[in-house]
Amino acid sequence: MANLTITVDDELLHRARRRAIELDTSVNALLRDYLEAFAGAAAARAQATEGILRLSAEARSGRGNRHWTRDDLHERQ
């Protein structure tokens, strides 16, 4: 596991530590959870975009095996 060093204002760190204690956790755990969510959100967005593009390409490639008639589309018989 890698270490990360950040620079923050002393007062900000003090407030963050107090808030972490209220939540029964640590500033380190809060930052780790945030980074996991941040990185996961980007990966999920990329995966969703890839899926949309794949579906779009499939839709442009044809109608599949179904051959629609005018009557099928307008529910006429």
Protein backbone atom coordinates (compact mmCIF):
# COMPACT_ATOMS: atom_id res chain seq x y z
CA MET A 1 0.00 0.00 0.00
CA ALA A 2 1.32 3.47 -0.90
CA ASN A 3 1.56 6.47 1.38
CA LEU A 4 0.22 9.87 0.35
CA THR A 5 1.35 13.20 1.77
CA ILE A 6 -0.89 16.24 1.45
CA THR A 7 -0.63 19.78 2.76
CA VAL A 8 -3.64 21.32 4.47
CA ASP A 9 -4.25 24.28 6.72
CA ASP A 10 -3.71 23.49 10.42
CA GLU A 11 -7.20 24.65 11.37
CA LEU A 12 -8.76 22.52 8.62
CA LEU A 13 -6.93 19.44 9.86
CA HIS A 14 -8.00 20.18 13.44
CA ARG A 15 -11.67 20.46 12.39
CA ALA A 16 -11.38 17.30 10.27
CA ARG A 17 -9.93 15.36 13.20
CA ARG A 18 -12.75 16.51 15.49
CA ARG A 19 -15.34 15.52 12.89
CA ALA A 20 -13.68 12.14 12.36
CA ILE A 21 -13.82 11.48 16.11
CA GLU A 22 -17.55 12.30 16.07
CA LEU A 23 -17.94 9.67 13.32
CA ASP A 24 -15.77 7.16 15.20
CA THR A 25 -13.19 7.01 12.42
CA SER A 26 -9.97 8.72 11.37
CA VAL A 27 -9.07 11.39 8.85
CA ASN A 28 -6.97 8.77 7.08
CA ALA A 29 -9.95 6.41 6.75
CA LEU A 30 -12.19 9.23 5.53
CA LEU A 31 -9.68 10.26 2.85
CA ARG A 32 -9.15 6.64 1.78
CA ASP A 33 -12.93 6.10 1.46
CA TYR A 34 -13.28 9.32 -0.51
CA LEU A 35 -10.48 8.36 -2.92
CA GLU A 36 -12.00 4.89 -3.42
CA ALA A 37 -15.38 6.44 -4.23
CA PHE A 38 -13.77 9.07 -6.48
CA ALA A 39 -11.78 6.50 -8.45
CA GLY A 40 -14.73 4.10 -8.59
CA ALA A 41 -17.06 6.77 -9.92
CA ALA A 42 -14.70 7.50 -12.79
CA ALA A 43 -14.42 3.80 -13.61
CA ALA A 44 -18.20 3.32 -13.46
CA ARG A 45 -18.73 6.34 -15.72
CA ALA A 46 -16.21 5.00 -18.23
CA GLN A 47 -17.86 1.56 -18.17
CA ALA A 48 -21.32 3.09 -18.69
CA THR A 49 -20.05 5.20 -21.60
CA GLU A 50 -18.47 2.15 -23.18
CA GLY A 51 -21.75 0.25 -22.85
CA ILE A 52 -23.76 3.07 -24.43
CA LEU A 53 -21.34 3.30 -27.34
CA ARG A 54 -21.49 -0.48 -27.85
CA LEU A 55 -25.30 -0.45 -27.86
CA SER A 56 -25.30 2.47 -30.27
CA ALA A 57 -22.96 0.63 -32.65
CA GLU A 58 -25.16 -2.49 -32.48
CA ALA A 59 -28.26 -0.41 -33.22
CA ARG A 60 -26.60 1.16 -36.28
CA SER A 61 -25.45 -2.23 -37.57
CA GLY A 62 -28.97 -3.40 -38.33
CA ARG A 63 -32.24 -4.54 -36.92
CA GLY A 64 -31.09 -7.99 -35.92
CA ASN A 65 -33.02 -10.98 -37.21
CA ARG A 66 -36.42 -9.33 -37.02
CA HIS A 67 -37.85 -7.94 -40.26
CA TRP A 68 -40.59 -5.45 -39.59
CA THR A 69 -43.41 -4.83 -41.99
CA ARG A 70 -45.43 -1.66 -42.22
CA ASP A 71 -48.40 -3.51 -40.72
CA ASP A 72 -46.26 -4.73 -37.80
CA LEU A 73 -45.16 -1.20 -37.04
CA HIS A 74 -48.69 0.18 -37.14
CA GLU A 75 -50.32 -2.88 -35.56
CA ARG A 76 -52.48 -3.46 -38.62
CA GLN A 77 -53.64 -6.85 -39.77
